[in-house]
Amino acid sequence: MIRLSALIAAAVLTAAPGAVQAYAAAPEPAHVQAQDPQAAIRTVERGRPGRRVGVRVEGQNVVVVWEYPGGRVVEIVVDGRTGRILGERG
């Protein structure tokens, strides 16, 4: 058991500094294109009561202005690349 521990310790201590790599998120490819805003609108409209008041693109996100029954107006932010709803503002 001691021999195994010594062998492991020696392997760790003699490893080249570049041999250990930290895991990092891969950078976003520059060629990733945003989805069609219509896809974001369909995502928001699916199963949601109310009506669409407006749409605008902010960077890579699509913001859908939505009016719920009763008059409450919110901005629903949709990731323009994945189509996932990120949240509501307002």
C-alpha atoms as a PDB file:
ATOM      1  CA  MET A   1       0.000   0.000   0.000  1.00  0.00           C
ATOM      2  CA  ILE A   2       2.826   2.391   0.854  1.00  0.00           C
ATOM      3  CA  ARG A   3       4.567   1.510  -2.404  1.00  0.00           C
ATOM      4  CA  LEU A   4       1.409   2.398  -4.388  1.00  0.00           C
ATOM      5  CA  SER A   5       1.057   5.734  -2.568  1.00  0.00           C
ATOM      6  CA  ALA A   6       4.712   6.543  -3.259  1.00  0.00           C
ATOM      7  CA  LEU A   7       4.271   5.663  -6.932  1.00  0.00           C
ATOM      8  CA  ILE A   8       1.213   7.916  -7.269  1.00  0.00           C
ATOM      9  CA  ALA A   9       2.961  10.782  -5.455  1.00  0.00           C
ATOM     10  CA  ALA A  10       6.002  10.455  -7.723  1.00  0.00           C
ATOM     11  CA  ALA A  11       3.823  10.493 -10.846  1.00  0.00           C
ATOM     12  CA  VAL A  12       2.005  13.619  -9.710  1.00  0.00           C
ATOM     13  CA  LEU A  13       5.165  15.469  -8.728  1.00  0.00           C
ATOM     14  CA  THR A  14       7.030  14.657 -11.947  1.00  0.00           C
ATOM     15  CA  ALA A  15       4.194  15.541 -14.307  1.00  0.00           C
ATOM     16  CA  ALA A  16       4.984  18.351 -16.695  1.00  0.00           C
ATOM     17  CA  PRO A  17       3.307  21.663 -15.805  1.00  0.00           C
ATOM     18  CA  GLY A  18       1.419  21.655 -19.097  1.00  0.00           C
ATOM     19  CA  ALA A  19       0.097  18.136 -18.539  1.00  0.00           C
ATOM     20  CA  VAL A  20      -2.655  19.303 -16.219  1.00  0.00           C
ATOM     21  CA  GLN A  21      -5.348  21.189 -18.092  1.00  0.00           C
ATOM     22  CA  ALA A  22      -8.083  23.246 -16.538  1.00  0.00           C
ATOM     23  CA  TYR A  23     -11.558  22.783 -17.944  1.00  0.00           C
ATOM     24  CA  ALA A  24     -12.982  25.948 -19.412  1.00  0.00           C
ATOM     25  CA  ALA A  25     -16.054  26.726 -21.442  1.00  0.00           C
ATOM     26  CA  ALA A  26     -15.412  26.622 -25.146  1.00  0.00           C
ATOM     27  CA  PRO A  27     -15.617  30.040 -26.777  1.00  0.00           C
ATOM     28  CA  GLU A  28     -18.669  30.770 -28.888  1.00  0.00           C
ATOM     29  CA  PRO A  29     -17.984  30.204 -32.564  1.00  0.00           C
ATOM     30  CA  ALA A  30     -18.266  33.428 -34.525  1.00  0.00           C
ATOM     31  CA  HIS A  31     -20.406  31.758 -37.180  1.00  0.00           C
ATOM     32  CA  VAL A  32     -23.331  30.857 -34.877  1.00  0.00           C
ATOM     33  CA  GLN A  33     -26.362  32.559 -36.308  1.00  0.00           C
ATOM     34  CA  ALA A  34     -29.444  33.692 -34.483  1.00  0.00           C
ATOM     35  CA  GLN A  35     -32.688  31.881 -35.110  1.00  0.00           C
ATOM     36  CA  ASP A  36     -35.452  33.420 -37.105  1.00  0.00           C
ATOM     37  CA  PRO A  37     -37.463  35.791 -34.843  1.00  0.00           C
ATOM     38  CA  GLN A  38     -40.578  33.913 -35.965  1.00  0.00           C
ATOM     39  CA  ALA A  39     -39.273  30.822 -34.134  1.00  0.00           C
ATOM     40  CA  ALA A  40     -38.965  32.869 -30.933  1.00  0.00           C
ATOM     41  CA  ILE A  41     -42.505  34.175 -31.398  1.00  0.00           C
ATOM     42  CA  ARG A  42     -43.841  30.638 -31.818  1.00  0.00           C
ATOM     43  CA  THR A  43     -42.055  29.573 -28.633  1.00  0.00           C
ATOM     44  CA  VAL A  44     -43.682  32.398 -26.660  1.00  0.00           C
ATOM     45  CA  GLU A  45     -47.145  31.907 -28.168  1.00  0.00           C
ATOM     46  CA  ARG A  46     -47.198  28.168 -27.463  1.00  0.00           C
ATOM     47  CA  GLY A  47     -49.514  27.574 -24.507  1.00  0.00           C
ATOM     48  CA  ARG A  48     -49.455  31.164 -23.270  1.00  0.00           C
ATOM     49  CA  PRO A  49     -52.675  33.175 -22.874  1.00  0.00           C
ATOM     50  CA  GLY A  50     -52.724  36.685 -24.289  1.00  0.00           C
ATOM     51  CA  ARG A  51     -51.427  38.338 -27.410  1.00  0.00           C
ATOM     52  CA  ARG A  52     -48.220  39.594 -28.965  1.00  0.00           C
ATOM     53  CA  VAL A  53     -47.851  43.372 -28.922  1.00  0.00           C
ATOM     54  CA  GLY A  54     -44.397  43.702 -30.477  1.00  0.00           C
ATOM     55  CA  VAL A  55     -41.049  42.081 -31.228  1.00  0.00           C
ATOM     56  CA  ARG A  56     -37.500  43.417 -31.352  1.00  0.00           C
ATOM     57  CA  VAL A  57     -34.008  41.952 -31.543  1.00  0.00           C
ATOM     58  CA  GLU A  58     -31.472  42.897 -28.846  1.00  0.00           C
ATOM     59  CA  GLY A  59     -28.065  41.510 -29.706  1.00  0.00           C
ATOM     60  CA  GLN A  60     -28.505  37.728 -29.888  1.00  0.00           C
ATOM     61  CA  ASN A  61     -31.802  37.780 -28.004  1.00  0.00           C
ATOM     62  CA  VAL A  62     -35.329  38.303 -29.247  1.00  0.00           C
ATOM     63  CA  VAL A  63     -37.658  40.333 -27.002  1.00  0.00           C
ATOM     64  CA  VAL A  64     -41.356  39.630 -27.442  1.00  0.00           C
ATOM     65  CA  VAL A  65     -43.680  42.224 -25.897  1.00  0.00           C
ATOM     66  CA  TRP A  66     -46.675  40.275 -24.606  1.00  0.00           C
ATOM     67  CA  GLU A  67     -50.021  41.362 -23.164  1.00  0.00           C
ATOM     68  CA  TYR A  68     -51.665  38.899 -20.784  1.00  0.00           C
ATOM     69  CA  PRO A  69     -55.453  38.820 -20.324  1.00  0.00           C
ATOM     70  CA  GLY A  70     -56.280  41.631 -17.926  1.00  0.00           C
ATOM     71  CA  GLY A  71     -53.869  44.080 -19.556  1.00  0.00           C
ATOM     72  CA  ARG A  72     -50.525  43.238 -17.902  1.00  0.00           C
ATOM     73  CA  VAL A  73     -47.702  43.836 -20.423  1.00  0.00           C
ATOM     74  CA  VAL A  74     -44.332  42.089 -20.114  1.00  0.00           C
ATOM     75  CA  GLU A  75     -41.225  41.634 -22.230  1.00  0.00           C
ATOM     76  CA  ILE A  76     -40.336  37.973 -22.713  1.00  0.00           C
ATOM     77  CA  VAL A  77     -36.651  37.485 -23.542  1.00  0.00           C
ATOM     78  CA  VAL A  78     -35.830  34.527 -25.797  1.00  0.00           C
ATOM     79  CA  ASP A  79     -32.300  33.337 -26.558  1.00  0.00           C
ATOM     80  CA  GLY A  80     -31.906  33.969 -30.272  1.00  0.00           C
ATOM     81  CA  ARG A  81     -29.574  30.992 -30.767  1.00  0.00           C
ATOM     82  CA  THR A  82     -31.340  28.238 -28.834  1.00  0.00           C
ATOM     83  CA  GLY A  83     -34.933  29.490 -28.746  1.00  0.00           C
ATOM     84  CA  ARG A  84     -35.054  29.051 -24.968  1.00  0.00           C
ATOM     85  CA  ILE A  85     -37.048  31.542 -22.902  1.00  0.00           C
ATOM     86  CA  LEU A  86     -34.626  33.363 -20.602  1.00  0.00           C
ATOM     87  CA  GLY A  87     -37.185  35.283 -18.565  1.00  0.00           C
ATOM     88  CA  GLU A  88     -39.756  38.035 -18.320  1.00  0.00           C
ATOM     89  CA  ARG A  89     -39.310  41.724 -17.565  1.00  0.00           C
ATOM     90  CA  GLY A  90     -42.079  43.953 -16.321  1.00  0.00           C
END
